[in-house]
């Protein structure tokens, strides 16, 4: 009787692991589909015409629509307003990001 009970538990555990593995596989396929959709969106945005400084979004909704678009700006760098973000990693190597605002001809600034 003990052998039958033990084999039932082993079978149930194996079935549970098979179901868990199958579910994780479906999750991975869903993530792959999400990433492919994101890549397609990025490629379509990059293929659109280049934006100028006067076409930049002024509100959050319009900025979201312009995300990923190429933009050509001209202006003057503001080196005194440079910000260093420390403890950033890129390619597995520690370092920092340097962000310098660009003052546009219209008077606005972008980072």
PDB file of N, CA and C in Angstrom:
ATOM      1  N   UNK A   1       0.811  -1.190   0.000  1.00  0.00           N
ATOM      2  CA  UNK A   1       0.000   0.000   0.000  1.00  0.00           C
ATOM      3  C   UNK A   1       0.862   1.265   0.000  1.00  0.00           C
ATOM      4  N   UNK A   2       1.992   1.221   0.751  1.00  0.00           N
ATOM      5  CA  UNK A   2       2.869   2.378   0.800  1.00  0.00           C
ATOM      6  C   UNK A   2       3.458   2.676  -0.570  1.00  0.00           C
ATOM      7  N   UNK A   3       3.787   1.671  -1.329  1.00  0.00           N
ATOM      8  CA  UNK A   3       4.373   1.855  -2.657  1.00  0.00           C
ATOM      9  C   UNK A   3       3.376   2.518  -3.599  1.00  0.00           C
ATOM     10  N   UNK A   4       2.129   2.141  -3.519  1.00  0.00           N
ATOM     11  CA  UNK A   4       1.108   2.731  -4.382  1.00  0.00           C
ATOM     12  C   UNK A   4       0.907   4.209  -4.032  1.00  0.00           C
ATOM     13  N   UNK A   5       0.896   4.526  -2.745  1.00  0.00           N
ATOM     14  CA  UNK A   5       0.726   5.916  -2.329  1.00  0.00           C
ATOM     15  C   UNK A   5       1.921   6.766  -2.763  1.00  0.00           C
ATOM     16  N   UNK A   6       3.135   6.222  -2.613  1.00  0.00           N
ATOM     17  CA  UNK A   6       4.335   6.951  -3.010  1.00  0.00           C
ATOM     18  C   UNK A   6       4.342   7.190  -4.520  1.00  0.00           C
ATOM     19  N   UNK A   7       3.994   6.186  -5.289  1.00  0.00           N
ATOM     20  CA  UNK A   7       3.994   6.353  -6.746  1.00  0.00           C
ATOM     21  C   UNK A   7       2.924   7.364  -7.170  1.00  0.00           C
ATOM     22  N   UNK A   8       1.800   7.426  -6.433  1.00  0.00           N
ATOM     23  CA  UNK A   8       0.781   8.433  -6.747  1.00  0.00           C
ATOM     24  C   UNK A   8       1.338   9.828  -6.543  1.00  0.00           C
ATOM     25  N   UNK A   9       2.071  10.075  -5.445  1.00  0.00           N
ATOM     26  CA  UNK A   9       2.660  11.379  -5.176  1.00  0.00           C
ATOM     27  C   UNK A   9       3.721  11.736  -6.218  1.00  0.00           C
ATOM     28  N   UNK A  10       4.523  10.776  -6.594  1.00  0.00           N
ATOM     29  CA  UNK A  10       5.551  11.020  -7.612  1.00  0.00           C
ATOM     30  C   UNK A  10       4.881  11.372  -8.942  1.00  0.00           C
ATOM     31  N   UNK A  11       3.834  10.664  -9.296  1.00  0.00           N
ATOM     32  CA  UNK A  11       3.110  10.937 -10.540  1.00  0.00           C
ATOM     33  C   UNK A  11       2.474  12.322 -10.490  1.00  0.00           C
ATOM     34  N   UNK A  12       1.871  12.678  -9.371  1.00  0.00           N
ATOM     35  CA  UNK A  12       1.242  13.992  -9.229  1.00  0.00           C
ATOM     36  C   UNK A  12       2.290  15.104  -9.301  1.00  0.00           C
ATOM     37  N   UNK A  13       3.424  14.916  -8.669  1.00  0.00           N
ATOM     38  CA  UNK A  13       4.495  15.923  -8.710  1.00  0.00           C
ATOM     39  C   UNK A  13       5.036  16.072 -10.131  1.00  0.00           C
ATOM     40  N   UNK A  14       5.230  14.960 -10.813  1.00  0.00           N
ATOM     41  CA  UNK A  14       5.726  15.017 -12.193  1.00  0.00           C
ATOM     42  C   UNK A  14       4.715  15.722 -13.096  1.00  0.00           C
ATOM     43  N   UNK A  15       3.435  15.416 -12.924  1.00  0.00           N
ATOM     44  CA  UNK A  15       2.395  16.066 -13.720  1.00  0.00           C
ATOM     45  C   UNK A  15       2.359  17.572 -13.428  1.00  0.00           C
ATOM     46  N   UNK A  16       2.506  17.940 -12.166  1.00  0.00           N
ATOM     47  CA  UNK A  16       2.544  19.356 -11.801  1.00  0.00           C
ATOM     48  C   UNK A  16       3.729  20.073 -12.437  1.00  0.00           C
ATOM     49  N   UNK A  17       4.896  19.435 -12.442  1.00  0.00           N
ATOM     50  CA  UNK A  17       6.062  20.039 -13.068  1.00  0.00           C
ATOM     51  C   UNK A  17       5.895  20.161 -14.581  1.00  0.00           C
ATOM     52  N   UNK A  18       5.262  19.172 -15.211  1.00  0.00           N
ATOM     53  CA  UNK A  18       5.002  19.247 -16.645  1.00  0.00           C
ATOM     54  C   UNK A  18       4.066  20.411 -16.950  1.00  0.00           C
ATOM     55  N   UNK A  19       3.003  20.558 -16.159  1.00  0.00           N
ATOM     56  CA  UNK A  19       2.072  21.665 -16.361  1.00  0.00           C
ATOM     57  C   UNK A  19       2.738  23.022 -16.137  1.00  0.00           C
ATOM     58  N   UNK A  20       3.566  23.114 -15.106  1.00  0.00           N
ATOM     59  CA  UNK A  20       4.278  24.358 -14.832  1.00  0.00           C
ATOM     60  C   UNK A  20       5.222  24.702 -15.985  1.00  0.00           C
ATOM     61  N   UNK A  21       5.951  23.726 -16.480  1.00  0.00           N
ATOM     62  CA  UNK A  21       6.872  23.947 -17.593  1.00  0.00           C
ATOM     63  C   UNK A  21       6.119  24.367 -18.850  1.00  0.00           C
ATOM     64  N   UNK A  22       4.983  23.746 -19.116  1.00  0.00           N
ATOM     65  CA  UNK A  22       4.176  24.122 -20.284  1.00  0.00           C
ATOM     66  C   UNK A  22       3.672  25.560 -20.145  1.00  0.00           C
ATOM     67  N   UNK A  23       3.236  25.932 -18.963  1.00  0.00           N
ATOM     68  CA  UNK A  23       2.752  27.297 -18.745  1.00  0.00           C
ATOM     69  C   UNK A  23       3.869  28.315 -18.923  1.00  0.00           C
ATOM     70  N   UNK A  24       5.063  27.998 -18.433  1.00  0.00           N
ATOM     71  CA  UNK A  24       6.200  28.900 -18.617  1.00  0.00           C
ATOM     72  C   UNK A  24       6.563  29.021 -20.102  1.00  0.00           C
ATOM     73  N   UNK A  25       6.413  27.955 -20.860  1.00  0.00           N
ATOM     74  CA  UNK A  25       6.654  28.011 -22.297  1.00  0.00           C
ATOM     75  C   UNK A  25       5.667  28.926 -22.997  1.00  0.00           C
ATOM     76  N   UNK A  26       4.401  28.854 -22.619  1.00  0.00           N
ATOM     77  CA  UNK A  26       3.381  29.743 -23.193  1.00  0.00           C
ATOM     78  C   UNK A  26       3.692  31.188 -22.833  1.00  0.00           C
ATOM     79  N   UNK A  27       4.133  31.416 -21.620  1.00  0.00           N
ATOM     80  CA  UNK A  27       4.495  32.759 -21.189  1.00  0.00           C
ATOM     81  C   UNK A  27       5.653  33.301 -22.040  1.00  0.00           C
ATOM     82  N   UNK A  28       6.663  32.451 -22.303  1.00  0.00           N
ATOM     83  CA  UNK A  28       7.790  32.869 -23.128  1.00  0.00           C
ATOM     84  C   UNK A  28       7.348  33.205 -24.549  1.00  0.00           C
ATOM     85  N   UNK A  29       6.432  32.433 -25.097  1.00  0.00           N
ATOM     86  CA  UNK A  29       5.924  32.719 -26.439  1.00  0.00           C
ATOM     87  C   UNK A  29       5.162  34.043 -26.461  1.00  0.00           C
ATOM     88  N   UNK A  30       4.423  34.337 -25.401  1.00  0.00           N
ATOM     89  CA  UNK A  30       3.710  35.601 -25.306  1.00  0.00           C
ATOM     90  C   UNK A  30       4.688  36.772 -25.223  1.00  0.00           C
ATOM     91  N   UNK A  31       5.744  36.622 -24.441  1.00  0.00           N
ATOM     92  CA  UNK A  31       6.763  37.674 -24.342  1.00  0.00           C
ATOM     93  C   UNK A  31       7.443  37.899 -25.690  1.00  0.00           C
ATOM     94  N   UNK A  32       7.700  36.817 -26.419  1.00  0.00           N
ATOM     95  CA  UNK A  32       8.317  36.954 -27.741  1.00  0.00           C
ATOM     96  C   UNK A  32       7.400  37.732 -28.674  1.00  0.00           C
ATOM     97  N   UNK A  33       6.106  37.467 -28.632  1.00  0.00           N
ATOM     98  CA  UNK A  33       5.155  38.186 -29.474  1.00  0.00           C
ATOM     99  C   UNK A  33       5.116  39.669 -29.096  1.00  0.00           C
ATOM    100  N   UNK A  34       5.187  39.967 -27.796  1.00  0.00           N
ATOM    101  CA  UNK A  34       5.206  41.360 -27.350  1.00  0.00           C
ATOM    102  C   UNK A  34       6.449  42.084 -27.854  1.00  0.00           C
ATOM    103  N   UNK A  35       7.591  41.420 -27.786  1.00  0.00           N
ATOM    104  CA  UNK A  35       8.833  42.046 -28.229  1.00  0.00           C
ATOM    105  C   UNK A  35       8.857  42.234 -29.738  1.00  0.00           C
ATOM    106  N   UNK A  36       8.291  41.292 -30.487  1.00  0.00           N
ATOM    107  CA  UNK A  36       8.207  41.458 -31.935  1.00  0.00           C
ATOM    108  C   UNK A  36       7.299  42.626 -32.299  1.00  0.00           C
ATOM    109  N   UNK A  37       6.191  42.784 -31.585  1.00  0.00           N
ATOM    110  CA  UNK A  37       5.294  43.912 -31.833  1.00  0.00           C
ATOM    111  C   UNK A  37       5.990  45.228 -31.512  1.00  0.00           C
ATOM    112  N   UNK A  38       6.761  45.275 -30.431  1.00  0.00           N
ATOM    113  CA  UNK A  38       7.500  46.480 -30.065  1.00  0.00           C
ATOM    114  C   UNK A  38       8.546  46.815 -31.124  1.00  0.00           C
ATOM    115  N   UNK A  39       9.243  45.801 -31.625  1.00  0.00           N
ATOM    116  CA  UNK A  39      10.249  46.026 -32.655  1.00  0.00           C
ATOM    117  C   UNK A  39       9.613  46.540 -33.943  1.00  0.00           C
ATOM    118  N   UNK A  40       8.459  45.991 -34.304  1.00  0.00           N
ATOM    119  CA  UNK A  40       7.740  46.450 -35.491  1.00  0.00           C
ATOM    120  C   UNK A  40       7.329  47.916 -35.339  1.00  0.00           C
ATOM    121  N   UNK A  41       6.844  48.276 -34.162  1.00  0.00           N
ATOM    122  CA  UNK A  41       6.457  49.665 -33.893  1.00  0.00           C
ATOM    123  C   UNK A  41       7.665  50.597 -33.992  1.00  0.00           C
ATOM    124  N   UNK A  42       8.793  50.185 -33.436  1.00  0.00           N
ATOM    125  CA  UNK A  42      10.000  51.010 -33.495  1.00  0.00           C
ATOM    126  C   UNK A  42      10.469  51.202 -34.936  1.00  0.00           C
ATOM    127  N   UNK A  43      10.408  50.141 -35.722  1.00  0.00           N
ATOM    128  CA  UNK A  43      10.829  50.251 -37.120  1.00  0.00           C
ATOM    129  C   UNK A  43       9.894  51.162 -37.910  1.00  0.00           C
ATOM    130  N   UNK A  44       8.606  51.079 -37.640  1.00  0.00           N
ATOM    131  CA  UNK A  44       7.671  51.940 -38.367  1.00  0.00           C
ATOM    132  C   UNK A  44       7.863  53.403 -37.973  1.00  0.00           C
ATOM    133  N   UNK A  45       8.143  53.674 -36.698  1.00  0.00           N
ATOM    134  CA  UNK A  45       8.387  55.051 -36.262  1.00  0.00           C
ATOM    135  C   UNK A  45       9.691  55.589 -36.864  1.00  0.00           C
ATOM    136  N   UNK A  46      10.717  54.740 -36.934  1.00  0.00           N
ATOM    137  CA  UNK A  46      11.999  55.187 -37.471  1.00  0.00           C
ATOM    138  C   UNK A  46      11.902  55.462 -38.972  1.00  0.00           C
ATOM    139  N   UNK A  47      10.955  54.829 -39.654  1.00  0.00           N
ATOM    140  CA  UNK A  47      10.786  55.037 -41.079  1.00  0.00           C
ATOM    141  C   UNK A  47       9.991  56.285 -41.427  1.00  0.00           C
ATOM    142  N   UNK A  48       9.383  56.906 -40.458  1.00  0.00           N
ATOM    143  CA  UNK A  48       8.594  58.116 -40.708  1.00  0.00           C
ATOM    144  C   UNK A  48       9.519  59.300 -40.936  1.00  0.00           C
ATOM    145  N   UNK A  49       9.006  60.389 -41.523  1.00  0.00           N
ATOM    146  CA  UNK A  49       9.856  61.558 -41.804  1.00  0.00           C
ATOM    147  C   UNK A  49      10.475  62.148 -40.533  1.00  0.00           C
ATOM    148  N   UNK A  50      11.632  62.766 -40.714  1.00  0.00           N
ATOM    149  CA  UNK A  50      12.362  63.389 -39.608  1.00  0.00           C
ATOM    150  C   UNK A  50      11.595  64.624 -39.129  1.00  0.00           C
ATOM    151  N   UNK A  51      11.520  64.782 -37.795  1.00  0.00           N
ATOM    152  CA  UNK A  51      10.852  65.937 -37.196  1.00  0.00           C
ATOM    153  C   UNK A  51      11.844  67.075 -36.984  1.00  0.00           C
ATOM    154  N   UNK A  52      11.364  68.295 -37.086  1.00  0.00           N
ATOM    155  CA  UNK A  52      12.165  69.469 -36.764  1.00  0.00           C
ATOM    156  C   UNK A  52      11.832  69.968 -35.375  1.00  0.00           C
ATOM    157  N   UNK A  53      12.582  70.932 -34.906  1.00  0.00           N
ATOM    158  CA  UNK A  53      12.368  71.471 -33.565  1.00  0.00           C
ATOM    159  C   UNK A  53      11.003  72.090 -33.369  1.00  0.00           C
ATOM    160  N   UNK A  54      10.428  72.677 -34.429  1.00  0.00           N
ATOM    161  CA  UNK A  54       9.124  73.305 -34.295  1.00  0.00           C
ATOM    162  C   UNK A  54       7.992  72.292 -34.240  1.00  0.00           C
ATOM    163  N   UNK A  55       8.279  71.049 -34.550  1.00  0.00           N
ATOM    164  CA  UNK A  55       7.256  69.990 -34.527  1.00  0.00           C
ATOM    165  C   UNK A  55       7.284  69.148 -33.259  1.00  0.00           C
ATOM    166  N   UNK A  56       8.169  69.472 -32.325  1.00  0.00           N
ATOM    167  CA  UNK A  56       8.259  68.695 -31.089  1.00  0.00           C
ATOM    168  C   UNK A  56       6.978  68.782 -30.282  1.00  0.00           C
ATOM    169  N   UNK A  57       6.645  67.708 -29.629  1.00  0.00           N
ATOM    170  CA  UNK A  57       5.431  67.651 -28.813  1.00  0.00           C
ATOM    171  C   UNK A  57       5.558  68.572 -27.605  1.00  0.00           C
ATOM    172  N   UNK A  58       4.449  69.137 -27.231  1.00  0.00           N
ATOM    173  CA  UNK A  58       4.411  70.023 -26.062  1.00  0.00           C
ATOM    174  C   UNK A  58       3.640  69.413 -24.898  1.00  0.00           C
ATOM    175  N   UNK A  59       2.976  68.273 -25.122  1.00  0.00           N
ATOM    176  CA  UNK A  59       2.251  67.603 -24.039  1.00  0.00           C
ATOM    177  C   UNK A  59       2.579  66.108 -24.069  1.00  0.00           C
ATOM    178  N   UNK A  60       2.181  65.429 -23.023  1.00  0.00           N
ATOM    179  CA  UNK A  60       2.561  64.030 -22.840  1.00  0.00           C
ATOM    180  C   UNK A  60       1.967  63.108 -23.897  1.00  0.00           C
ATOM    181  N   UNK A  61       0.719  63.320 -24.291  1.00  0.00           N
ATOM    182  CA  UNK A  61       0.074  62.451 -25.280  1.00  0.00           C
ATOM    183  C   UNK A  61       0.753  62.579 -26.643  1.00  0.00           C
ATOM    184  N   UNK A  62       1.061  63.809 -27.038  1.00  0.00           N
ATOM    185  CA  UNK A  62       1.738  64.013 -28.318  1.00  0.00           C
ATOM    186  C   UNK A  62       3.165  63.471 -28.278  1.00  0.00           C
ATOM    187  N   UNK A  63       3.811  63.579 -27.133  1.00  0.00           N
ATOM    188  CA  UNK A  63       5.167  63.048 -26.992  1.00  0.00           C
ATOM    189  C   UNK A  63       5.164  61.527 -27.126  1.00  0.00           C
ATOM    190  N   UNK A  64       4.147  60.881 -26.596  1.00  0.00           N
ATOM    191  CA  UNK A  64       4.052  59.421 -26.721  1.00  0.00           C
ATOM    192  C   UNK A  64       3.894  59.015 -28.180  1.00  0.00           C
ATOM    193  N   UNK A  65       3.187  59.820 -28.960  1.00  0.00           N
ATOM    194  CA  UNK A  65       3.007  59.525 -30.381  1.00  0.00           C
ATOM    195  C   UNK A  65       4.306  59.736 -31.157  1.00  0.00           C
ATOM    196  N   UNK A  66       5.201  60.577 -30.653  1.00  0.00           N
ATOM    197  CA  UNK A  66       6.465  60.844 -31.336  1.00  0.00           C
ATOM    198  C   UNK A  66       7.598  59.942 -30.854  1.00  0.00           C
ATOM    199  N   UNK A  67       7.327  59.094 -29.878  1.00  0.00           N
ATOM    200  CA  UNK A  67       8.367  58.227 -29.315  1.00  0.00           C
ATOM    201  C   UNK A  67       8.969  57.350 -30.406  1.00  0.00           C
ATOM    202  N   UNK A  68      10.287  57.370 -30.526  1.00  0.00           N
ATOM    203  CA  UNK A  68      10.976  56.559 -31.514  1.00  0.00           C
ATOM    204  C   UNK A  68      11.213  57.257 -32.844  1.00  0.00           C
ATOM    205  N   UNK A  69      10.677  58.460 -33.011  1.00  0.00           N
ATOM    206  CA  UNK A  69      10.871  59.202 -34.266  1.00  0.00           C
ATOM    207  C   UNK A  69      12.249  59.862 -34.271  1.00  0.00           C
ATOM    208  N   UNK A  70      12.798  60.022 -35.455  1.00  0.00           N
ATOM    209  CA  UNK A  70      14.061  60.746 -35.597  1.00  0.00           C
ATOM    210  C   UNK A  70      13.756  62.245 -35.549  1.00  0.00           C
ATOM    211  N   UNK A  71      14.641  62.995 -34.872  1.00  0.00           N
ATOM    212  CA  UNK A  71      14.449  64.432 -34.697  1.00  0.00           C
ATOM    213  C   UNK A  71      15.766  65.138 -34.998  1.00  0.00           C
ATOM    214  N   UNK A  72      15.703  66.232 -35.731  1.00  0.00           N
ATOM    215  CA  UNK A  72      16.879  67.057 -36.002  1.00  0.00           C
ATOM    216  C   UNK A  72      16.660  68.393 -35.298  1.00  0.00           C
ATOM    217  N   UNK A  73      17.591  68.736 -34.412  1.00  0.00           N
ATOM    218  CA  UNK A  73      17.496  69.966 -33.644  1.00  0.00           C
ATOM    219  C   UNK A  73      18.756  70.789 -33.839  1.00  0.00           C
ATOM    220  N   UNK A  74      18.608  72.085 -33.679  1.00  0.00           N
ATOM    221  CA  UNK A  74      19.783  72.950 -33.671  1.00  0.00           C
ATOM    222  C   UNK A  74      19.608  73.933 -32.530  1.00  0.00           C
ATOM    223  N   UNK A  75      20.722  74.260 -31.932  1.00  0.00           N
ATOM    224  CA  UNK A  75      20.688  75.167 -30.803  1.00  0.00           C
ATOM    225  C   UNK A  75      22.057  75.271 -30.169  1.00  0.00           C
ATOM    226  N   UNK A  76      22.059  75.580 -28.890  1.00  0.00           N
ATOM    227  CA  UNK A  76      23.306  75.774 -28.164  1.00  0.00           C
ATOM    228  C   UNK A  76      23.322  74.861 -26.938  1.00  0.00           C
ATOM    229  N   UNK A  77      24.427  74.116 -26.784  1.00  0.00           N
ATOM    230  CA  UNK A  77      24.572  73.262 -25.601  1.00  0.00           C
ATOM    231  C   UNK A  77      24.761  74.124 -24.368  1.00  0.00           C
ATOM    232  N   UNK A  78      24.233  73.672 -23.242  1.00  0.00           N
ATOM    233  CA  UNK A  78      24.373  74.384 -21.967  1.00  0.00           C
ATOM    234  C   UNK A  78      25.260  73.553 -21.032  1.00  0.00           C
ATOM    235  N   UNK A  79      26.596  73.663 -21.181  1.00  0.00           N
ATOM    236  CA  UNK A  79      27.490  72.790 -20.406  1.00  0.00           C
ATOM    237  C   UNK A  79      27.432  73.022 -18.900  1.00  0.00           C
ATOM    238  N   UNK A  80      27.033  74.209 -18.477  1.00  0.00           N
ATOM    239  CA  UNK A  80      26.962  74.463 -17.028  1.00  0.00           C
ATOM    240  C   UNK A  80      25.799  73.720 -16.377  1.00  0.00           C
ATOM    241  N   UNK A  81      24.840  73.279 -17.176  1.00  0.00           N
ATOM    242  CA  UNK A  81      23.686  72.549 -16.651  1.00  0.00           C
ATOM    243  C   UNK A  81      23.833  71.045 -16.830  1.00  0.00           C
ATOM    244  N   UNK A  82      25.035  70.569 -17.126  1.00  0.00           N
ATOM    245  CA  UNK A  82      25.281  69.145 -17.330  1.00  0.00           C
ATOM    246  C   UNK A  82      25.028  68.369 -16.040  1.00  0.00           C
ATOM    247  N   UNK A  83      24.385  67.217 -16.189  1.00  0.00           N
ATOM    248  CA  UNK A  83      24.070  66.348 -15.050  1.00  0.00           C
ATOM    249  C   UNK A  83      24.754  64.999 -15.291  1.00  0.00           C
ATOM    250  N   UNK A  84      25.401  64.458 -14.259  1.00  0.00           N
ATOM    251  CA  UNK A  84      26.044  63.156 -14.332  1.00  0.00           C
ATOM    252  C   UNK A  84      25.236  62.172 -13.491  1.00  0.00           C
ATOM    253  N   UNK A  85      24.763  61.111 -14.105  1.00  0.00           N
ATOM    254  CA  UNK A  85      24.039  60.066 -13.380  1.00  0.00           C
ATOM    255  C   UNK A  85      24.998  58.916 -13.135  1.00  0.00           C
ATOM    256  N   UNK A  86      25.407  58.783 -11.885  1.00  0.00           N
ATOM    257  CA  UNK A  86      26.418  57.792 -11.515  1.00  0.00           C
ATOM    258  C   UNK A  86      25.798  56.412 -11.306  1.00  0.00           C
ATOM    259  N   UNK A  87      26.643  55.409 -11.250  1.00  0.00           N
ATOM    260  CA  UNK A  87      26.262  54.013 -10.990  1.00  0.00           C
ATOM    261  C   UNK A  87      25.313  53.467 -12.046  1.00  0.00           C
ATOM    262  N   UNK A  88      25.603  53.715 -13.316  1.00  0.00           N
ATOM    263  CA  UNK A  88      24.829  53.158 -14.426  1.00  0.00           C
ATOM    264  C   UNK A  88      25.678  52.102 -15.108  1.00  0.00           C
ATOM    265  N   UNK A  89      25.047  51.050 -15.582  1.00  0.00           N
ATOM    266  CA  UNK A  89      25.777  49.985 -16.261  1.00  0.00           C
ATOM    267  C   UNK A  89      25.389  49.934 -17.723  1.00  0.00           C
ATOM    268  N   UNK A  90      26.344  49.642 -18.562  1.00  0.00           N
ATOM    269  CA  UNK A  90      26.103  49.455 -19.983  1.00  0.00           C
ATOM    270  C   UNK A  90      27.037  48.346 -20.446  1.00  0.00           C
ATOM    271  N   UNK A  91      26.457  47.304 -20.989  1.00  0.00           N
ATOM    272  CA  UNK A  91      27.274  46.178 -21.440  1.00  0.00           C
ATOM    273  C   UNK A  91      27.976  45.481 -20.290  1.00  0.00           C
ATOM    274  N   UNK A  92      27.398  45.527 -19.094  1.00  0.00           N
ATOM    275  CA  UNK A  92      27.989  44.862 -17.939  1.00  0.00           C
ATOM    276  C   UNK A  92      29.134  45.634 -17.298  1.00  0.00           C
ATOM    277  N   UNK A  93      29.405  46.839 -17.773  1.00  0.00           N
ATOM    278  CA  UNK A  93      30.485  47.637 -17.215  1.00  0.00           C
ATOM    279  C   UNK A  93      29.910  48.843 -16.483  1.00  0.00           C
ATOM    280  N   UNK A  94      30.396  49.105 -15.264  1.00  0.00           N
ATOM    281  CA  UNK A  94      29.887  50.258 -14.513  1.00  0.00           C
ATOM    282  C   UNK A  94      30.393  51.565 -15.115  1.00  0.00           C
ATOM    283  N   UNK A  95      29.611  52.608 -14.931  1.00  0.00           N
ATOM    284  CA  UNK A  95      29.991  53.921 -15.438  1.00  0.00           C
ATOM    285  C   UNK A  95      28.959  54.947 -15.037  1.00  0.00           C
ATOM    286  N   UNK A  96      28.788  55.972 -15.873  1.00  0.00           N
ATOM    287  CA  UNK A  96      27.804  57.007 -15.594  1.00  0.00           C
ATOM    288  C   UNK A  96      27.291  57.570 -16.907  1.00  0.00           C
ATOM    289  N   UNK A  97      26.105  58.182 -16.857  1.00  0.00           N
ATOM    290  CA  UNK A  97      25.511  58.849 -18.006  1.00  0.00           C
ATOM    291  C   UNK A  97      25.783  60.347 -17.861  1.00  0.00           C
ATOM    292  N   UNK A  98      26.034  60.994 -18.976  1.00  0.00           N
ATOM    293  CA  UNK A  98      26.227  62.439 -19.008  1.00  0.00           C
ATOM    294  C   UNK A  98      25.072  63.031 -19.809  1.00  0.00           C
ATOM    295  N   UNK A  99      24.316  63.925 -19.197  1.00  0.00           N
ATOM    296  CA  UNK A  99      23.184  64.554 -19.878  1.00  0.00           C
ATOM    297  C   UNK A  99      23.378  66.071 -19.866  1.00  0.00           C
ATOM    298  N   UNK A 100      23.421  66.640 -21.073  1.00  0.00           N
ATOM    299  CA  UNK A 100      23.599  68.080 -21.234  1.00  0.00           C
ATOM    300  C   UNK A 100      22.406  68.630 -21.993  1.00  0.00           C
ATOM    301  N   UNK A 101      21.720  69.632 -21.456  1.00  0.00           N
ATOM    302  CA  UNK A 101      20.577  70.202 -22.161  1.00  0.00           C
ATOM    303  C   UNK A 101      21.007  70.993 -23.398  1.00  0.00           C
ATOM    304  N   UNK A 102      20.121  71.007 -24.390  1.00  0.00           N
ATOM    305  CA  UNK A 102      20.324  71.772 -25.618  1.00  0.00           C
ATOM    306  C   UNK A 102      19.270  72.870 -25.656  1.00  0.00           C
ATOM    307  N   UNK A 103      19.713  74.123 -25.678  1.00  0.00           N
ATOM    308  CA  UNK A 103      18.780  75.248 -25.749  1.00  0.00           C
ATOM    309  C   UNK A 103      18.462  75.489 -27.221  1.00  0.00           C
ATOM    310  N   UNK A 104      17.181  75.388 -27.563  1.00  0.00           N
ATOM    311  CA  UNK A 104      16.747  75.574 -28.940  1.00  0.00           C
ATOM    312  C   UNK A 104      16.640  77.050 -29.260  1.00  0.00           C
ATOM    313  N   UNK A 105      16.548  77.354 -30.530  1.00  0.00           N
ATOM    314  CA  UNK A 105      16.431  78.743 -30.966  1.00  0.00           C
ATOM    315  C   UNK A 105      15.171  79.409 -30.438  1.00  0.00           C
ATOM    316  N   UNK A 106      14.115  78.602 -30.259  1.00  0.00           N
ATOM    317  CA  UNK A 106      12.832  79.134 -29.777  1.00  0.00           C
ATOM    318  C   UNK A 106      12.878  79.507 -28.294  1.00  0.00           C
ATOM    319  N   UNK A 107      13.943  79.089 -27.603  1.00  0.00           N
ATOM    320  CA  UNK A 107      14.067  79.404 -26.189  1.00  0.00           C
ATOM    321  C   UNK A 107      13.830  78.211 -25.278  1.00  0.00           C
ATOM    322  N   UNK A 108      13.166  77.174 -25.785  1.00  0.00           N
ATOM    323  CA  UNK A 108      12.971  75.959 -24.989  1.00  0.00           C
ATOM    324  C   UNK A 108      14.270  75.179 -24.915  1.00  0.00           C
ATOM    325  N   UNK A 109      14.313  74.250 -23.995  1.00  0.00           N
ATOM    326  CA  UNK A 109      15.494  73.391 -23.864  1.00  0.00           C
ATOM    327  C   UNK A 109      15.038  71.935 -23.821  1.00  0.00           C
ATOM    328  N   UNK A 110      15.872  71.064 -24.361  1.00  0.00           N
ATOM    329  CA  UNK A 110      15.602  69.627 -24.326  1.00  0.00           C
ATOM    330  C   UNK A 110      16.797  68.950 -23.695  1.00  0.00           C
ATOM    331  N   UNK A 111      16.543  67.826 -23.039  1.00  0.00           N
ATOM    332  CA  UNK A 111      17.606  67.088 -22.376  1.00  0.00           C
ATOM    333  C   UNK A 111      17.947  65.875 -23.203  1.00  0.00           C
TER     334      UNK A 111
END
